[in-house]
Amino acid sequence: MNISRRTALKTTAMMGVAATAAPRVFARAGATLKVSLPDLPYAPDALEPAIDRKTMEIHHGRHHAGYANNFQSALDRLPGARSVEEVLAEIPALPGDLQTTVRNNGGGHWNHDLFWKIMAPPGRGGGGVPAGDLAARINADFGSFAAFTEEFSNAGATRFGSGWAWLVARPDGRLVVGSTPNQDNPLMKGLVPDDLIGTPILGLDVWEHAYYLHYQNRRGDYISNWWKLVNWEEVSRRFEAI
């Protein structure tokens, strides 16, 4: 079949537009990124009485496992992605039929992976107050540790329905507190408010599945007890790694 010069030029131009519009995760050849359910860094009952064993088993073994499995199904269609963080930052550029799956399940996987790691059993890494550079930054940005915990707790308590409260390191170095609905997080450029975009270093799950078996509708009690579990050494490590 003969192709006219005009047709050839038009086809070439269209291919160039498609390449420009394609998300960066499709612009590289490479293996498929793999994710899986991480092991808990402690026994399921290690966070009692603040978080009970049954809640941990269901939350980790069912909810997080579902997010990881569904996210992997989406990643199988995104060859060349280098990291989960990269994919979450590019959701608006992904194919339309993958955006919701990645947003909900990729977010769910990343959020929970952080959540397990920034907690520790009381007296064995959990609780207390931050120290060093993180403590200084909190005091500078919030006035005091007490003022920070009040603002963070309020972000979690007032999040309507399901979602997360966050402590975020902004690109300009400041720490800010905010909340997101569902499994959204501050990595998701174009989906969350610009003033919350940054690196989350502390996150609190306020979905009902995180606390309802033990606390029923008493979200405030769950949040108050959760502070006894925060692993400030891990949060500081994440802050200093930015």
C-alpha atoms as a PDB file:
ATOM      1  CA  MET A   1       0.000   0.000   0.000  1.00  0.00           C
ATOM      2  CA  ASN A   2       1.384   3.424  -0.982  1.00  0.00           C
ATOM      3  CA  ILE A   3       1.428   6.091   1.733  1.00  0.00           C
ATOM      4  CA  SER A   4       1.474   9.743   0.699  1.00  0.00           C
ATOM      5  CA  ARG A   5       4.053  12.117   2.135  1.00  0.00           C
ATOM      6  CA  ARG A   6       1.278  14.107   3.834  1.00  0.00           C
ATOM      7  CA  THR A   7      -0.129  10.963   5.488  1.00  0.00           C
ATOM      8  CA  ALA A   8       3.318   9.927   6.651  1.00  0.00           C
ATOM      9  CA  LEU A   9       3.989  13.338   8.173  1.00  0.00           C
ATOM     10  CA  LYS A  10       0.588  13.344   9.891  1.00  0.00           C
ATOM     11  CA  THR A  11       1.195   9.876  11.339  1.00  0.00           C
ATOM     12  CA  THR A  12       4.649  10.891  12.582  1.00  0.00           C
ATOM     13  CA  ALA A  13       3.206  14.005  14.248  1.00  0.00           C
ATOM     14  CA  MET A  14       0.483  12.008  15.967  1.00  0.00           C
ATOM     15  CA  MET A  15       3.028   9.529  17.277  1.00  0.00           C
ATOM     16  CA  GLY A  16       5.080  12.409  18.658  1.00  0.00           C
ATOM     17  CA  VAL A  17       2.072  13.841  20.491  1.00  0.00           C
ATOM     18  CA  ALA A  18       1.265  10.418  21.952  1.00  0.00           C
ATOM     19  CA  ALA A  19       4.833   9.977  23.145  1.00  0.00           C
ATOM     20  CA  THR A  20       4.799  13.416  24.754  1.00  0.00           C
ATOM     21  CA  ALA A  21       1.458  12.760  26.460  1.00  0.00           C
ATOM     22  CA  ALA A  22       2.434   9.315  27.698  1.00  0.00           C
ATOM     23  CA  PRO A  23       3.260   9.122  31.400  1.00  0.00           C
ATOM     24  CA  ARG A  24       6.928   8.889  32.284  1.00  0.00           C
ATOM     25  CA  VAL A  25       6.462   5.386  33.705  1.00  0.00           C
ATOM     26  CA  PHE A  26       5.820   4.195  30.138  1.00  0.00           C
ATOM     27  CA  ALA A  27       8.816   5.994  28.681  1.00  0.00           C
ATOM     28  CA  ARG A  28      11.346   3.415  29.887  1.00  0.00           C
ATOM     29  CA  ALA A  29      11.873  -0.248  29.254  1.00  0.00           C
ATOM     30  CA  GLY A  30      12.289  -2.360  32.324  1.00  0.00           C
ATOM     31  CA  ALA A  31      10.966  -5.075  34.539  1.00  0.00           C
ATOM     32  CA  THR A  32       7.640  -4.820  36.291  1.00  0.00           C
ATOM     33  CA  LEU A  33       7.802  -3.325  39.777  1.00  0.00           C
ATOM     34  CA  LYS A  34       6.817  -5.906  42.393  1.00  0.00           C
ATOM     35  CA  VAL A  35       5.058  -5.276  45.699  1.00  0.00           C
ATOM     36  CA  SER A  36       3.872  -7.657  48.384  1.00  0.00           C
ATOM     37  CA  LEU A  37       2.396  -7.670  51.856  1.00  0.00           C
ATOM     38  CA  PRO A  38       5.218  -6.807  54.283  1.00  0.00           C
ATOM     39  CA  ASP A  39       5.623  -8.658  57.548  1.00  0.00           C
ATOM     40  CA  LEU A  40       4.639  -6.779  60.665  1.00  0.00           C
ATOM     41  CA  PRO A  41       7.731  -5.589  62.576  1.00  0.00           C
ATOM     42  CA  TYR A  42       6.197  -6.970  65.797  1.00  0.00           C
ATOM     43  CA  ALA A  43       3.707  -9.628  66.872  1.00  0.00           C
ATOM     44  CA  PRO A  44       0.010  -8.922  66.168  1.00  0.00           C
ATOM     45  CA  ASP A  45      -0.700  -8.523  69.888  1.00  0.00           C
ATOM     46  CA  ALA A  46       2.386  -6.394  70.610  1.00  0.00           C
ATOM     47  CA  LEU A  47       0.513  -3.088  70.432  1.00  0.00           C
ATOM     48  CA  GLU A  48      -2.131  -4.030  72.997  1.00  0.00           C
ATOM     49  CA  PRO A  49      -4.008  -2.513  74.722  1.00  0.00           C
ATOM     50  CA  ALA A  50      -3.938   0.464  72.330  1.00  0.00           C
ATOM     51  CA  ILE A  51      -4.559  -1.748  69.273  1.00  0.00           C
ATOM     52  CA  ASP A  52      -5.867  -5.251  69.842  1.00  0.00           C
ATOM     53  CA  ARG A  53      -4.635  -8.435  68.200  1.00  0.00           C
ATOM     54  CA  LYS A  54      -7.811  -9.163  66.246  1.00  0.00           C
ATOM     55  CA  THR A  55      -7.847  -5.700  64.686  1.00  0.00           C
ATOM     56  CA  MET A  56      -4.186  -6.055  63.703  1.00  0.00           C
ATOM     57  CA  GLU A  57      -4.745  -9.476  62.132  1.00  0.00           C
ATOM     58  CA  ILE A  58      -7.683  -8.268  60.039  1.00  0.00           C
ATOM     59  CA  HIS A  59      -6.164  -4.893  59.230  1.00  0.00           C
ATOM     60  CA  HIS A  60      -2.826  -6.302  58.114  1.00  0.00           C
ATOM     61  CA  GLY A  61      -3.713  -9.758  56.837  1.00  0.00           C
ATOM     62  CA  ARG A  62      -6.878  -8.843  54.955  1.00  0.00           C
ATOM     63  CA  HIS A  63      -7.100  -5.128  54.243  1.00  0.00           C
ATOM     64  CA  HIS A  64      -3.440  -4.461  53.488  1.00  0.00           C
ATOM     65  CA  ALA A  65      -3.091  -7.784  51.667  1.00  0.00           C
ATOM     66  CA  GLY A  66      -5.974  -6.787  49.399  1.00  0.00           C
ATOM     67  CA  TYR A  67      -4.421  -3.423  48.602  1.00  0.00           C
ATOM     68  CA  ALA A  68      -1.057  -5.031  47.773  1.00  0.00           C
ATOM     69  CA  ASN A  69      -2.603  -7.677  45.505  1.00  0.00           C
ATOM     70  CA  ASN A  70      -4.783  -5.200  43.614  1.00  0.00           C
ATOM     71  CA  PHE A  71      -1.931  -2.746  43.248  1.00  0.00           C
ATOM     72  CA  GLN A  72       0.295  -5.446  41.796  1.00  0.00           C
ATOM     73  CA  SER A  73      -2.317  -6.164  39.164  1.00  0.00           C
ATOM     74  CA  ALA A  74      -2.093  -2.524  38.097  1.00  0.00           C
ATOM     75  CA  LEU A  75       1.711  -2.495  38.223  1.00  0.00           C
ATOM     76  CA  ASP A  76       1.770  -5.446  35.836  1.00  0.00           C
ATOM     77  CA  ARG A  77       0.530  -2.951  33.228  1.00  0.00           C
ATOM     78  CA  LEU A  78       3.131  -0.310  34.101  1.00  0.00           C
ATOM     79  CA  PRO A  79       6.500  -1.740  33.042  1.00  0.00           C
ATOM     80  CA  GLY A  80       9.504   0.428  33.797  1.00  0.00           C
ATOM     81  CA  ALA A  81       8.181   2.036  36.985  1.00  0.00           C
ATOM     82  CA  ARG A  82      11.087   2.446  39.380  1.00  0.00           C
ATOM     83  CA  SER A  83       9.287   2.902  42.693  1.00  0.00           C
ATOM     84  CA  VAL A  84       5.874   2.986  44.310  1.00  0.00           C
ATOM     85  CA  GLU A  85       6.455   6.654  45.146  1.00  0.00           C
ATOM     86  CA  GLU A  86       7.049   7.460  41.482  1.00  0.00           C
ATOM     87  CA  VAL A  87       3.804   5.779  40.409  1.00  0.00           C
ATOM     88  CA  LEU A  88       1.752   7.538  43.098  1.00  0.00           C
ATOM     89  CA  ALA A  89       3.179  10.905  42.070  1.00  0.00           C
ATOM     90  CA  GLU A  90       2.064  10.373  38.462  1.00  0.00           C
ATOM     91  CA  ILE A  91      -1.494   9.095  38.876  1.00  0.00           C
ATOM     92  CA  PRO A  92      -3.121  11.846  36.734  1.00  0.00           C
ATOM     93  CA  ALA A  93      -0.857  10.811  33.829  1.00  0.00           C
ATOM     94  CA  LEU A  94      -1.698   7.112  34.014  1.00  0.00           C
ATOM     95  CA  PRO A  95      -4.214   5.447  31.681  1.00  0.00           C
ATOM     96  CA  GLY A  96      -7.700   6.369  32.788  1.00  0.00           C
ATOM     97  CA  ASP A  97      -8.731   2.815  33.575  1.00  0.00           C
ATOM     98  CA  LEU A  98      -5.814   2.437  36.016  1.00  0.00           C
ATOM     99  CA  GLN A  99      -6.025   5.706  37.891  1.00  0.00           C
ATOM    100  CA  THR A 100      -8.651   4.711  40.456  1.00  0.00           C
ATOM    101  CA  THR A 101      -7.064   1.320  41.098  1.00  0.00           C
ATOM    102  CA  VAL A 102      -3.637   2.854  41.673  1.00  0.00           C
ATOM    103  CA  ARG A 103      -5.038   5.694  43.752  1.00  0.00           C
ATOM    104  CA  ASN A 104      -6.989   3.408  46.076  1.00  0.00           C
ATOM    105  CA  ASN A 105      -4.791   0.334  46.198  1.00  0.00           C
ATOM    106  CA  GLY A 106      -1.380   1.859  45.581  1.00  0.00           C
ATOM    107  CA  GLY A 107      -2.207   4.457  48.189  1.00  0.00           C
ATOM    108  CA  GLY A 108      -3.527   1.782  50.527  1.00  0.00           C
ATOM    109  CA  HIS A 109      -0.373  -0.277  50.169  1.00  0.00           C
ATOM    110  CA  TRP A 110       2.039   2.612  50.672  1.00  0.00           C
ATOM    111  CA  ASN A 111       0.070   4.151  53.551  1.00  0.00           C
ATOM    112  CA  HIS A 112      -0.109   0.917  55.501  1.00  0.00           C
ATOM    113  CA  ASP A 113       3.528   0.051  54.886  1.00  0.00           C
ATOM    114  CA  LEU A 114       4.384   3.365  56.558  1.00  0.00           C
ATOM    115  CA  PHE A 115       1.791   2.877  59.308  1.00  0.00           C
ATOM    116  CA  TRP A 116       3.182  -0.429  60.570  1.00  0.00           C
ATOM    117  CA  LYS A 117       6.735   0.908  60.622  1.00  0.00           C
ATOM    118  CA  ILE A 118       6.109   4.125  62.520  1.00  0.00           C
ATOM    119  CA  MET A 119       4.591   2.197  65.432  1.00  0.00           C
ATOM    120  CA  ALA A 120       6.258   0.080  68.104  1.00  0.00           C
ATOM    121  CA  PRO A 121       5.153  -1.591  71.351  1.00  0.00           C
ATOM    122  CA  PRO A 122       4.860   0.780  74.321  1.00  0.00           C
ATOM    123  CA  GLY A 123       8.131   0.936  76.215  1.00  0.00           C
ATOM    124  CA  ARG A 124       9.962  -0.855  73.389  1.00  0.00           C
ATOM    125  CA  GLY A 125      10.275   2.041  70.998  1.00  0.00           C
ATOM    126  CA  GLY A 126       6.680   3.241  71.124  1.00  0.00           C
ATOM    127  CA  GLY A 127       5.641   6.428  72.862  1.00  0.00           C
ATOM    128  CA  GLY A 128       7.597   9.266  74.371  1.00  0.00           C
ATOM    129  CA  VAL A 129       8.607  12.364  72.449  1.00  0.00           C
ATOM    130  CA  PRO A 130      10.872  13.059  69.479  1.00  0.00           C
ATOM    131  CA  ALA A 131      14.422  14.274  69.921  1.00  0.00           C
ATOM    132  CA  GLY A 132      17.177  15.923  67.912  1.00  0.00           C
ATOM    133  CA  ASP A 133      16.523  17.671  64.598  1.00  0.00           C
ATOM    134  CA  LEU A 134      12.934  16.451  64.359  1.00  0.00           C
ATOM    135  CA  ALA A 135      12.066  17.859  67.787  1.00  0.00           C
ATOM    136  CA  ALA A 136      13.663  21.186  66.874  1.00  0.00           C
ATOM    137  CA  ARG A 137      11.745  21.337  63.590  1.00  0.00           C
ATOM    138  CA  ILE A 138       8.428  20.519  65.303  1.00  0.00           C
ATOM    139  CA  ASN A 139       9.024  23.261  67.865  1.00  0.00           C
ATOM    140  CA  ALA A 140       9.928  25.725  65.107  1.00  0.00           C
ATOM    141  CA  ASP A 141       6.913  24.967  62.929  1.00  0.00           C
ATOM    142  CA  PHE A 142       4.220  24.328  65.536  1.00  0.00           C
ATOM    143  CA  GLY A 143       5.440  26.179  68.622  1.00  0.00           C
ATOM    144  CA  SER A 144       5.685  23.088  70.806  1.00  0.00           C
ATOM    145  CA  PHE A 145       5.273  19.333  70.753  1.00  0.00           C
ATOM    146  CA  ALA A 146       1.967  19.702  72.612  1.00  0.00           C
ATOM    147  CA  ALA A 147       0.663  22.116  69.983  1.00  0.00           C
ATOM    148  CA  PHE A 148       1.735  19.722  67.227  1.00  0.00           C
ATOM    149  CA  THR A 149      -0.005  16.695  68.778  1.00  0.00           C
ATOM    150  CA  GLU A 150      -3.169  18.724  69.279  1.00  0.00           C
ATOM    151  CA  GLU A 151      -3.213  19.823  65.637  1.00  0.00           C
ATOM    152  CA  PHE A 152      -2.435  16.329  64.376  1.00  0.00           C
ATOM    153  CA  SER A 153      -5.060  14.701  66.609  1.00  0.00           C
ATOM    154  CA  ASN A 154      -7.642  17.219  65.422  1.00  0.00           C
ATOM    155  CA  ALA A 155      -6.791  16.448  61.786  1.00  0.00           C
ATOM    156  CA  GLY A 156      -7.539  12.793  62.437  1.00  0.00           C
ATOM    157  CA  ALA A 157     -10.614  13.371  64.581  1.00  0.00           C
ATOM    158  CA  THR A 158     -12.263  15.764  62.131  1.00  0.00           C
ATOM    159  CA  ARG A 159     -11.567  13.797  58.940  1.00  0.00           C
ATOM    160  CA  PHE A 160     -15.112  12.991  57.846  1.00  0.00           C
ATOM    161  CA  GLY A 161     -15.539   9.331  56.999  1.00  0.00           C
ATOM    162  CA  SER A 162     -12.444   7.348  56.121  1.00  0.00           C
ATOM    163  CA  GLY A 163      -8.950   8.719  55.655  1.00  0.00           C
ATOM    164  CA  TRP A 164      -5.583   9.572  57.174  1.00  0.00           C
ATOM    165  CA  ALA A 165      -3.879  12.270  59.232  1.00  0.00           C
ATOM    166  CA  TRP A 166      -0.338  13.207  58.184  1.00  0.00           C
ATOM    167  CA  LEU A 167       2.827  14.926  59.284  1.00  0.00           C
ATOM    168  CA  VAL A 168       4.476  16.006  56.040  1.00  0.00           C
ATOM    169  CA  ALA A 169       7.919  17.369  55.247  1.00  0.00           C
ATOM    170  CA  ARG A 170       7.336  20.005  52.562  1.00  0.00           C
ATOM    171  CA  PRO A 171       9.845  20.645  49.749  1.00  0.00           C
ATOM    172  CA  ASP A 172      10.777  23.960  51.421  1.00  0.00           C
ATOM    173  CA  GLY A 173      11.778  22.109  54.615  1.00  0.00           C
ATOM    174  CA  ARG A 174       8.737  22.997  56.705  1.00  0.00           C
ATOM    175  CA  LEU A 175       6.611  20.443  58.511  1.00  0.00           C
ATOM    176  CA  VAL A 176       2.852  20.640  58.028  1.00  0.00           C
ATOM    177  CA  VAL A 177      -0.126  18.673  59.307  1.00  0.00           C
ATOM    178  CA  GLY A 178      -3.141  17.741  57.229  1.00  0.00           C
ATOM    179  CA  SER A 179      -5.524  14.954  56.327  1.00  0.00           C
ATOM    180  CA  THR A 180      -6.646  13.169  53.194  1.00  0.00           C
ATOM    181  CA  PRO A 181      -9.721  11.088  52.348  1.00  0.00           C
ATOM    182  CA  ASN A 182      -9.737   7.371  51.644  1.00  0.00           C
ATOM    183  CA  GLN A 183      -6.231   6.122  50.730  1.00  0.00           C
ATOM    184  CA  ASP A 184      -4.932   9.393  49.309  1.00  0.00           C
ATOM    185  CA  ASN A 185      -1.576  10.621  50.579  1.00  0.00           C
ATOM    186  CA  PRO A 186       0.703  13.672  50.186  1.00  0.00           C
ATOM    187  CA  LEU A 187       2.740  12.005  47.426  1.00  0.00           C
ATOM    188  CA  MET A 188      -0.177  12.277  45.009  1.00  0.00           C
ATOM    189  CA  LYS A 189       0.520  15.400  42.990  1.00  0.00           C
ATOM    190  CA  GLY A 190      -2.550  16.778  41.315  1.00  0.00           C
ATOM    191  CA  LEU A 191      -4.911  14.906  43.628  1.00  0.00           C
ATOM    192  CA  VAL A 192      -4.298  16.434  47.043  1.00  0.00           C
ATOM    193  CA  PRO A 193      -3.996  20.161  47.884  1.00  0.00           C
ATOM    194  CA  ASP A 194      -0.677  21.657  46.813  1.00  0.00           C
ATOM    195  CA  ASP A 195       0.096  22.850  50.348  1.00  0.00           C
ATOM    196  CA  LEU A 196       0.083  19.232  51.567  1.00  0.00           C
ATOM    197  CA  ILE A 197       2.347  17.821  48.851  1.00  0.00           C
ATOM    198  CA  GLY A 198       5.596  16.498  50.299  1.00  0.00           C
ATOM    199  CA  THR A 199       7.086  13.494  52.038  1.00  0.00           C
ATOM    200  CA  PRO A 200       4.860  11.919  54.713  1.00  0.00           C
ATOM    201  CA  ILE A 201       6.903  10.936  57.772  1.00  0.00           C
ATOM    202  CA  LEU A 202       4.027  10.117  60.132  1.00  0.00           C
ATOM    203  CA  GLY A 203       0.572   8.837  59.269  1.00  0.00           C
ATOM    204  CA  LEU A 204      -2.471   7.786  61.260  1.00  0.00           C
ATOM    205  CA  ASP A 205      -5.137   5.544  59.759  1.00  0.00           C
ATOM    206  CA  VAL A 206      -8.599   6.716  60.815  1.00  0.00           C
ATOM    207  CA  TRP A 207     -10.601   4.291  58.702  1.00  0.00           C
ATOM    208  CA  GLU A 208     -13.083   2.465  60.922  1.00  0.00           C
ATOM    209  CA  HIS A 209     -11.382  -0.870  60.195  1.00  0.00           C
ATOM    210  CA  ALA A 210      -8.335   0.475  62.070  1.00  0.00           C
ATOM    211  CA  TYR A 211     -10.154   0.821  65.385  1.00  0.00           C
ATOM    212  CA  TYR A 212     -13.831  -0.127  65.361  1.00  0.00           C
ATOM    213  CA  LEU A 213     -13.591  -3.621  66.858  1.00  0.00           C
ATOM    214  CA  HIS A 214     -12.071  -2.202  70.031  1.00  0.00           C
ATOM    215  CA  TYR A 215     -13.267   1.411  70.167  1.00  0.00           C
ATOM    216  CA  GLN A 216     -16.532   1.338  68.195  1.00  0.00           C
ATOM    217  CA  ASN A 217     -17.303   5.009  67.424  1.00  0.00           C
ATOM    218  CA  ARG A 218     -14.793   6.430  69.910  1.00  0.00           C
ATOM    219  CA  ARG A 219     -12.227   7.620  67.394  1.00  0.00           C
ATOM    220  CA  GLY A 220     -10.889  10.176  69.855  1.00  0.00           C
ATOM    221  CA  ASP A 221      -9.934   7.442  72.334  1.00  0.00           C
ATOM    222  CA  TYR A 222      -8.177   5.517  69.579  1.00  0.00           C
ATOM    223  CA  ILE A 223      -6.167   8.585  68.614  1.00  0.00           C
ATOM    224  CA  SER A 224      -5.230   9.366  72.216  1.00  0.00           C
ATOM    225  CA  ASN A 225      -3.965   5.833  72.797  1.00  0.00           C
ATOM    226  CA  TRP A 226      -2.186   5.716  69.446  1.00  0.00           C
ATOM    227  CA  TRP A 227       0.332   8.323  70.604  1.00  0.00           C
ATOM    228  CA  LYS A 228       1.670   5.686  73.020  1.00  0.00           C
ATOM    229  CA  LEU A 229       2.731   3.629  69.983  1.00  0.00           C
ATOM    230  CA  VAL A 230       4.514   6.200  67.819  1.00  0.00           C
ATOM    231  CA  ASN A 231       8.071   5.115  67.068  1.00  0.00           C
ATOM    232  CA  TRP A 232       9.803   8.493  67.099  1.00  0.00           C
ATOM    233  CA  GLU A 233      13.159   6.972  66.237  1.00  0.00           C
ATOM    234  CA  GLU A 234      11.715   5.709  62.941  1.00  0.00           C
ATOM    235  CA  VAL A 235       9.917   8.992  62.260  1.00  0.00           C
ATOM    236  CA  SER A 236      13.171  10.863  62.882  1.00  0.00           C
ATOM    237  CA  ARG A 237      15.038   8.536  60.561  1.00  0.00           C
ATOM    238  CA  ARG A 238      12.568   9.292  57.795  1.00  0.00           C
ATOM    239  CA  PHE A 239      12.807  13.012  58.450  1.00  0.00           C
ATOM    240  CA  GLU A 240      16.587  13.002  58.353  1.00  0.00           C
ATOM    241  CA  ALA A 241      16.648  10.920  55.155  1.00  0.00           C
ATOM    242  CA  ILE A 242      14.821  13.569  53.122  1.00  0.00           C
END
